[in-house]
Every structure is written in structure tokens, then in C-alpha cells.
Amino acid sequence: MTPHQKVFALITSIVILLFILELVRKRKIKEEYSWFWLLIGLVIFILVIWYDSLLFVTELVGSETPMTTIFLFGFLFLLFVNIHYSVKISLFTEQIKKMAQKIGILSKEIEDLKNKEKEK
């Protein structure tokens, strides 16, 4: 990794860390989601500082170049994020369906009560 690439990767990881911390501080992202993004920034930082660790992981995975390893883990990360959000969306869809049914039932009960009141 060239010195230019190292500096760029270090700056990128620091910006990610600071950006996530700022989002948490402003309550734009929940703490439960921030840990994962902070972990990503920290991993990038560690891999840049200890480049030998990236070479070790590259050899462990069986990749030809460290860049291939980075793309592999980037792909796996995005796959994990998509699966996570798919699960969340499924849960929210079910909750919305149940709430809509409850609102329908409550609306019907209110309408029935109003009709009873008018009949008196």
C-alpha cells in the first residue's frame, strides 16, 4: 500500500468514526446501529495501521491481492446490511398490519357507540 493510499484510508476511517459519533450525539442514528458502523471504521483504521494483518487475512482467505480481500469483505458487509434491513422491514410490515387491524376495530367500535347514542 502506497503512503498516499494509507493516508487516504486513515483519513477515511477517522471521518467515518467522527461522522457516526456526531450522528449518535445528534440522535440521528440509534446507539444499537452505531456500534456496527463504529466497528467498520475501527477495522479500516486497524488494517491501515497494521497492514500485515490485512496481508494475513488475504492469505487466510486465499485471495490474490489485499484489494480483493477488501472487496470481498465489503460485499459481505453490504450483504449483511441488506439481510438485516430485510428482517427489520418484515417486522415493521407485520406491526403496521396489526396496528391497521386494531385501528379498524376501534373505528368500528366508535361508530357503533355513536350509532347507539343517536338511537337514544
N, C-alpha and C. Protein backbone atom coordinates (compact mmCIF):
# COMPACT_ATOMS: atom_id res chain seq x y z
N MET A 1 0.86 -1.17 0.00
CA MET A 1 0.00 0.00 0.00
C MET A 1 0.90 1.23 0.00
N THR A 2 0.63 2.12 -0.92
CA THR A 2 1.45 3.32 -1.03
C THR A 2 1.14 4.27 0.13
N PRO A 3 2.08 5.16 0.44
CA PRO A 3 1.81 6.12 1.52
C PRO A 3 0.57 6.97 1.25
N HIS A 4 0.35 7.32 -0.01
CA HIS A 4 -0.84 8.10 -0.38
C HIS A 4 -2.11 7.33 -0.05
N GLN A 5 -2.13 6.03 -0.36
CA GLN A 5 -3.30 5.20 -0.06
C GLN A 5 -3.50 5.06 1.44
N LYS A 6 -2.40 4.91 2.18
CA LYS A 6 -2.50 4.80 3.64
C LYS A 6 -3.11 6.06 4.26
N VAL A 7 -2.63 7.20 3.81
CA VAL A 7 -3.15 8.47 4.34
C VAL A 7 -4.64 8.60 4.02
N PHE A 8 -5.00 8.27 2.79
CA PHE A 8 -6.40 8.36 2.39
C PHE A 8 -7.26 7.41 3.23
N ALA A 9 -6.81 6.18 3.43
CA ALA A 9 -7.57 5.21 4.21
C ALA A 9 -7.68 5.63 5.68
N LEU A 10 -6.60 6.18 6.22
CA LEU A 10 -6.63 6.66 7.61
C LEU A 10 -7.63 7.82 7.77
N ILE A 11 -7.57 8.75 6.85
CA ILE A 11 -8.49 9.89 6.90
C ILE A 11 -9.93 9.40 6.75
N THR A 12 -10.15 8.45 5.85
CA THR A 12 -11.49 7.90 5.64
C THR A 12 -12.01 7.24 6.92
N SER A 13 -11.18 6.44 7.55
CA SER A 13 -11.63 5.75 8.76
C SER A 13 -11.91 6.74 9.89
N ILE A 14 -11.09 7.75 10.03
CA ILE A 14 -11.31 8.76 11.07
C ILE A 14 -12.59 9.54 10.79
N VAL A 15 -12.82 9.89 9.53
CA VAL A 15 -14.05 10.61 9.16
C VAL A 15 -15.27 9.75 9.45
N ILE A 16 -15.20 8.47 9.15
CA ILE A 16 -16.33 7.56 9.44
C ILE A 16 -16.61 7.54 10.94
N LEU A 17 -15.55 7.38 11.72
CA LEU A 17 -15.73 7.34 13.18
C LEU A 17 -16.34 8.63 13.71
N LEU A 18 -15.80 9.76 13.29
CA LEU A 18 -16.32 11.04 13.76
C LEU A 18 -17.75 11.29 13.29
N PHE A 19 -18.04 10.92 12.05
CA PHE A 19 -19.37 11.11 11.49
C PHE A 19 -20.40 10.29 12.27
N ILE A 20 -20.10 9.04 12.57
CA ILE A 20 -21.03 8.20 13.32
C ILE A 20 -21.22 8.73 14.73
N LEU A 21 -20.13 9.15 15.36
CA LEU A 21 -20.25 9.72 16.71
C LEU A 21 -21.13 10.98 16.69
N GLU A 22 -20.98 11.79 15.66
CA GLU A 22 -21.80 13.00 15.55
C GLU A 22 -23.28 12.65 15.32
N LEU A 23 -23.54 11.62 14.51
CA LEU A 23 -24.92 11.19 14.29
C LEU A 23 -25.55 10.68 15.58
N VAL A 24 -24.77 9.96 16.37
CA VAL A 24 -25.28 9.48 17.66
C VAL A 24 -25.54 10.67 18.59
N ARG A 25 -24.61 11.60 18.63
CA ARG A 25 -24.76 12.77 19.50
C ARG A 25 -26.01 13.56 19.16
N LYS A 26 -26.29 13.72 17.86
CA LYS A 26 -27.48 14.47 17.43
C LYS A 26 -28.73 13.61 17.39
N ARG A 27 -28.61 12.36 17.81
CA ARG A 27 -29.71 11.41 17.83
C ARG A 27 -30.31 11.16 16.45
N LYS A 28 -29.46 11.17 15.45
CA LYS A 28 -29.91 10.86 14.08
C LYS A 28 -29.80 9.36 13.80
N ILE A 29 -29.03 8.67 14.62
CA ILE A 29 -28.89 7.22 14.50
C ILE A 29 -28.94 6.64 15.91
N LYS A 30 -29.62 5.52 16.06
CA LYS A 30 -29.72 4.90 17.37
C LYS A 30 -28.40 4.23 17.74
N GLU A 31 -28.16 4.17 19.05
CA GLU A 31 -26.93 3.55 19.53
C GLU A 31 -26.82 2.10 19.10
N GLU A 32 -27.95 1.41 18.99
CA GLU A 32 -27.93 0.00 18.63
C GLU A 32 -27.40 -0.22 17.21
N TYR A 33 -27.53 0.77 16.34
CA TYR A 33 -26.99 0.65 14.98
C TYR A 33 -25.59 1.24 14.86
N SER A 34 -25.26 2.16 15.74
CA SER A 34 -23.99 2.86 15.62
C SER A 34 -22.79 1.97 15.89
N TRP A 35 -22.94 0.98 16.75
CA TRP A 35 -21.79 0.14 17.10
C TRP A 35 -21.22 -0.54 15.87
N PHE A 36 -22.07 -0.97 14.97
CA PHE A 36 -21.60 -1.69 13.78
C PHE A 36 -20.80 -0.75 12.87
N TRP A 37 -21.29 0.46 12.69
CA TRP A 37 -20.58 1.42 11.84
C TRP A 37 -19.27 1.85 12.48
N LEU A 38 -19.28 2.00 13.80
CA LEU A 38 -18.04 2.33 14.50
C LEU A 38 -17.03 1.19 14.37
N LEU A 39 -17.53 -0.02 14.41
CA LEU A 39 -16.66 -1.18 14.23
C LEU A 39 -16.02 -1.18 12.84
N ILE A 40 -16.78 -0.83 11.83
CA ILE A 40 -16.25 -0.77 10.47
C ILE A 40 -15.13 0.27 10.39
N GLY A 41 -15.37 1.45 10.94
CA GLY A 41 -14.33 2.49 10.93
C GLY A 41 -13.09 2.05 11.67
N LEU A 42 -13.27 1.36 12.79
CA LEU A 42 -12.14 0.87 13.57
C LEU A 42 -11.36 -0.22 12.83
N VAL A 43 -12.08 -1.11 12.16
CA VAL A 43 -11.42 -2.16 11.38
C VAL A 43 -10.59 -1.55 10.25
N ILE A 44 -11.14 -0.57 9.56
CA ILE A 44 -10.39 0.10 8.49
C ILE A 44 -9.13 0.74 9.08
N PHE A 45 -9.27 1.39 10.22
CA PHE A 45 -8.14 2.04 10.87
C PHE A 45 -7.06 1.01 11.23
N ILE A 46 -7.47 -0.10 11.82
CA ILE A 46 -6.52 -1.14 12.23
C ILE A 46 -5.83 -1.75 11.03
N LEU A 47 -6.59 -2.02 9.96
CA LEU A 47 -5.99 -2.63 8.78
C LEU A 47 -4.97 -1.70 8.11
N VAL A 48 -5.20 -0.40 8.22
CA VAL A 48 -4.25 0.55 7.64
C VAL A 48 -2.99 0.64 8.50
N ILE A 49 -3.19 0.72 9.81
CA ILE A 49 -2.06 0.83 10.72
C ILE A 49 -1.20 -0.44 10.68
N TRP A 50 -1.86 -1.58 10.78
CA TRP A 50 -1.16 -2.87 10.74
C TRP A 50 -1.47 -3.55 9.42
N TYR A 51 -0.81 -3.11 8.39
CA TYR A 51 -1.03 -3.63 7.04
C TYR A 51 -0.75 -5.12 6.97
N ASP A 52 0.16 -5.59 7.82
CA ASP A 52 0.47 -7.01 7.84
C ASP A 52 -0.75 -7.85 8.21
N SER A 53 -1.65 -7.27 9.01
CA SER A 53 -2.88 -8.00 9.36
C SER A 53 -3.75 -8.19 8.12
N LEU A 54 -3.80 -7.19 7.25
CA LEU A 54 -4.56 -7.32 6.00
C LEU A 54 -3.91 -8.38 5.12
N LEU A 55 -2.60 -8.39 5.06
CA LEU A 55 -1.91 -9.41 4.28
C LEU A 55 -2.18 -10.81 4.84
N PHE A 56 -2.22 -10.92 6.18
CA PHE A 56 -2.52 -12.20 6.81
C PHE A 56 -3.93 -12.66 6.46
N VAL A 57 -4.90 -11.75 6.55
CA VAL A 57 -6.29 -12.09 6.22
C VAL A 57 -6.39 -12.46 4.74
N THR A 58 -5.67 -11.74 3.90
CA THR A 58 -5.68 -12.04 2.46
C THR A 58 -5.16 -13.46 2.21
N GLU A 59 -4.10 -13.81 2.89
CA GLU A 59 -3.55 -15.15 2.74
C GLU A 59 -4.49 -16.19 3.32
N LEU A 60 -5.12 -15.87 4.45
CA LEU A 60 -6.06 -16.77 5.10
C LEU A 60 -7.27 -17.06 4.21
N VAL A 61 -7.77 -16.02 3.56
CA VAL A 61 -8.94 -16.15 2.68
C VAL A 61 -8.55 -16.83 1.36
N GLY A 62 -7.30 -16.67 0.97
CA GLY A 62 -6.85 -17.27 -0.28
C GLY A 62 -6.96 -16.32 -1.46
N SER A 63 -7.04 -15.04 -1.18
CA SER A 63 -7.14 -14.04 -2.25
C SER A 63 -5.76 -13.79 -2.86
N GLU A 64 -5.78 -13.24 -4.05
CA GLU A 64 -4.53 -12.91 -4.73
C GLU A 64 -3.93 -11.60 -4.23
N THR A 65 -4.81 -10.61 -3.98
CA THR A 65 -4.33 -9.29 -3.58
C THR A 65 -5.13 -8.80 -2.38
N PRO A 66 -4.56 -7.89 -1.60
CA PRO A 66 -5.31 -7.32 -0.47
C PRO A 66 -6.58 -6.59 -0.93
N MET A 67 -6.54 -5.99 -2.10
CA MET A 67 -7.71 -5.27 -2.59
C MET A 67 -8.88 -6.22 -2.82
N THR A 68 -8.59 -7.43 -3.28
CA THR A 68 -9.64 -8.43 -3.47
C THR A 68 -10.27 -8.78 -2.12
N THR A 69 -9.45 -8.88 -1.10
CA THR A 69 -9.96 -9.17 0.25
C THR A 69 -10.85 -8.04 0.74
N ILE A 70 -10.43 -6.83 0.50
CA ILE A 70 -11.23 -5.67 0.92
C ILE A 70 -12.57 -5.67 0.20
N PHE A 71 -12.58 -5.95 -1.11
CA PHE A 71 -13.84 -6.00 -1.85
C PHE A 71 -14.71 -7.15 -1.36
N LEU A 72 -14.10 -8.29 -1.04
CA LEU A 72 -14.86 -9.42 -0.52
C LEU A 72 -15.57 -9.05 0.77
N PHE A 73 -14.82 -8.46 1.70
CA PHE A 73 -15.43 -8.09 2.97
C PHE A 73 -16.42 -6.94 2.81
N GLY A 74 -16.17 -6.06 1.87
CA GLY A 74 -17.14 -5.01 1.57
C GLY A 74 -18.44 -5.60 1.06
N PHE A 75 -18.33 -6.57 0.18
CA PHE A 75 -19.51 -7.25 -0.35
C PHE A 75 -20.26 -7.97 0.77
N LEU A 76 -19.53 -8.69 1.61
CA LEU A 76 -20.16 -9.41 2.72
C LEU A 76 -20.83 -8.44 3.69
N PHE A 77 -20.20 -7.31 3.91
CA PHE A 77 -20.78 -6.29 4.78
C PHE A 77 -22.10 -5.80 4.20
N LEU A 78 -22.11 -5.46 2.91
CA LEU A 78 -23.35 -4.98 2.29
C LEU A 78 -24.43 -6.06 2.28
N LEU A 79 -24.03 -7.30 2.10
CA LEU A 79 -24.98 -8.41 2.15
C LEU A 79 -25.60 -8.50 3.55
N PHE A 80 -24.77 -8.40 4.58
CA PHE A 80 -25.25 -8.43 5.96
C PHE A 80 -26.21 -7.28 6.23
N VAL A 81 -25.87 -6.09 5.78
CA VAL A 81 -26.73 -4.92 5.99
C VAL A 81 -28.08 -5.13 5.30
N ASN A 82 -28.06 -5.65 4.07
CA ASN A 82 -29.32 -5.90 3.35
C ASN A 82 -30.19 -6.93 4.06
N ILE A 83 -29.58 -7.99 4.54
CA ILE A 83 -30.35 -9.01 5.27
C ILE A 83 -30.93 -8.40 6.55
N HIS A 84 -30.13 -7.65 7.26
CA HIS A 84 -30.59 -7.01 8.50
C HIS A 84 -31.79 -6.10 8.23
N TYR A 85 -31.70 -5.27 7.21
CA TYR A 85 -32.81 -4.37 6.91
C TYR A 85 -34.02 -5.11 6.36
N SER A 86 -33.81 -6.20 5.68
CA SER A 86 -34.95 -7.01 5.22
C SER A 86 -35.72 -7.58 6.40
N VAL A 87 -35.00 -8.04 7.41
CA VAL A 87 -35.65 -8.56 8.61
C VAL A 87 -36.41 -7.43 9.30
N LYS A 88 -35.78 -6.26 9.45
CA LYS A 88 -36.44 -5.12 10.09
C LYS A 88 -37.70 -4.72 9.34
N ILE A 89 -37.62 -4.64 8.02
CA ILE A 89 -38.78 -4.27 7.20
C ILE A 89 -39.90 -5.28 7.37
N SER A 90 -39.55 -6.57 7.42
CA SER A 90 -40.57 -7.61 7.62
C SER A 90 -41.26 -7.45 8.96
N LEU A 91 -40.48 -7.17 10.00
CA LEU A 91 -41.07 -6.97 11.32
C LEU A 91 -41.97 -5.73 11.35
N PHE A 92 -41.51 -4.65 10.74
CA PHE A 92 -42.31 -3.42 10.70
C PHE A 92 -43.58 -3.61 9.90
N THR A 93 -43.50 -4.37 8.82
CA THR A 93 -44.69 -4.63 8.00
C THR A 93 -45.74 -5.37 8.82
N GLU A 94 -45.31 -6.35 9.59
CA GLU A 94 -46.23 -7.10 10.44
C GLU A 94 -46.84 -6.20 11.51
N GLN A 95 -46.02 -5.33 12.12
CA GLN A 95 -46.53 -4.41 13.13
C GLN A 95 -47.54 -3.44 12.54
N ILE A 96 -47.26 -2.93 11.35
CA ILE A 96 -48.18 -2.00 10.70
C ILE A 96 -49.51 -2.68 10.39
N LYS A 97 -49.43 -3.92 9.94
CA LYS A 97 -50.64 -4.68 9.64
C LYS A 97 -51.50 -4.85 10.90
N LYS A 98 -50.86 -5.21 12.01
CA LYS A 98 -51.60 -5.40 13.27
C LYS A 98 -52.19 -4.08 13.74
N MET A 99 -51.44 -2.99 13.63
CA MET A 99 -51.96 -1.69 14.06
C MET A 99 -53.13 -1.26 13.18
N ALA A 100 -53.04 -1.49 11.89
CA ALA A 100 -54.14 -1.13 10.99
C ALA A 100 -55.39 -1.91 11.35
N GLN A 101 -55.23 -3.19 11.69
CA GLN A 101 -56.39 -4.00 12.10
C GLN A 101 -56.98 -3.47 13.40
N LYS A 102 -56.14 -3.11 14.36
CA LYS A 102 -56.64 -2.57 15.62
C LYS A 102 -57.35 -1.24 15.41
N ILE A 103 -56.80 -0.40 14.53
CA ILE A 103 -57.45 0.88 14.23
C ILE A 103 -58.81 0.65 13.59
N GLY A 104 -58.89 -0.34 12.70
CA GLY A 104 -60.17 -0.67 12.07
C GLY A 104 -61.19 -1.12 13.09
N ILE A 105 -60.77 -1.97 14.02
CA ILE A 105 -61.66 -2.46 15.06
C ILE A 105 -62.12 -1.30 15.96
N LEU A 106 -61.18 -0.46 16.37
CA LEU A 106 -61.53 0.68 17.22
C LEU A 106 -62.46 1.65 16.50
N SER A 107 -62.22 1.89 15.22
CA SER A 107 -63.10 2.78 14.44
C SER A 107 -64.51 2.21 14.38
N LYS A 108 -64.62 0.91 14.20
CA LYS A 108 -65.93 0.27 14.16
C LYS A 108 -66.63 0.39 15.51
N GLU A 109 -65.87 0.19 16.60
CA GLU A 109 -66.47 0.31 17.93
C GLU A 109 -66.94 1.74 18.19
N ILE A 110 -66.16 2.73 17.79
CA ILE A 110 -66.56 4.14 17.96
C ILE A 110 -67.82 4.43 17.16
N GLU A 111 -67.85 3.92 15.93
CA GLU A 111 -69.03 4.13 15.08
C GLU A 111 -70.26 3.49 15.70
N ASP A 112 -70.10 2.28 16.24
CA ASP A 112 -71.23 1.60 16.89
C ASP A 112 -71.71 2.38 18.11
N LEU A 113 -70.78 2.91 18.89
CA LEU A 113 -71.15 3.70 20.06
C LEU A 113 -71.88 4.99 19.66
N LYS A 114 -71.43 5.63 18.59
CA LYS A 114 -72.11 6.83 18.11
C LYS A 114 -73.51 6.51 17.64
N ASN A 115 -73.67 5.39 16.95
CA ASN A 115 -75.00 4.98 16.47
C ASN A 115 -75.93 4.68 17.63
N LYS A 116 -75.40 4.04 18.69
CA LYS A 116 -76.21 3.75 19.87
C LYS A 116 -76.65 5.05 20.54
N GLU A 117 -75.75 6.02 20.58
CA GLU A 117 -76.04 7.31 21.21
C GLU A 117 -77.14 8.05 20.43
N LYS A 118 -77.08 7.94 19.10
CA LYS A 118 -78.10 8.62 18.28
C LYS A 118 -79.46 7.97 18.43
N GLU A 119 -79.49 6.67 18.65
CA GLU A 119 -80.75 5.95 18.78
C GLU A 119 -81.47 6.28 20.09
N LYS A 120 -80.76 6.72 21.08
CA LYS A 120 -81.38 7.04 22.39
C LYS A 120 -82.11 8.29 22.32
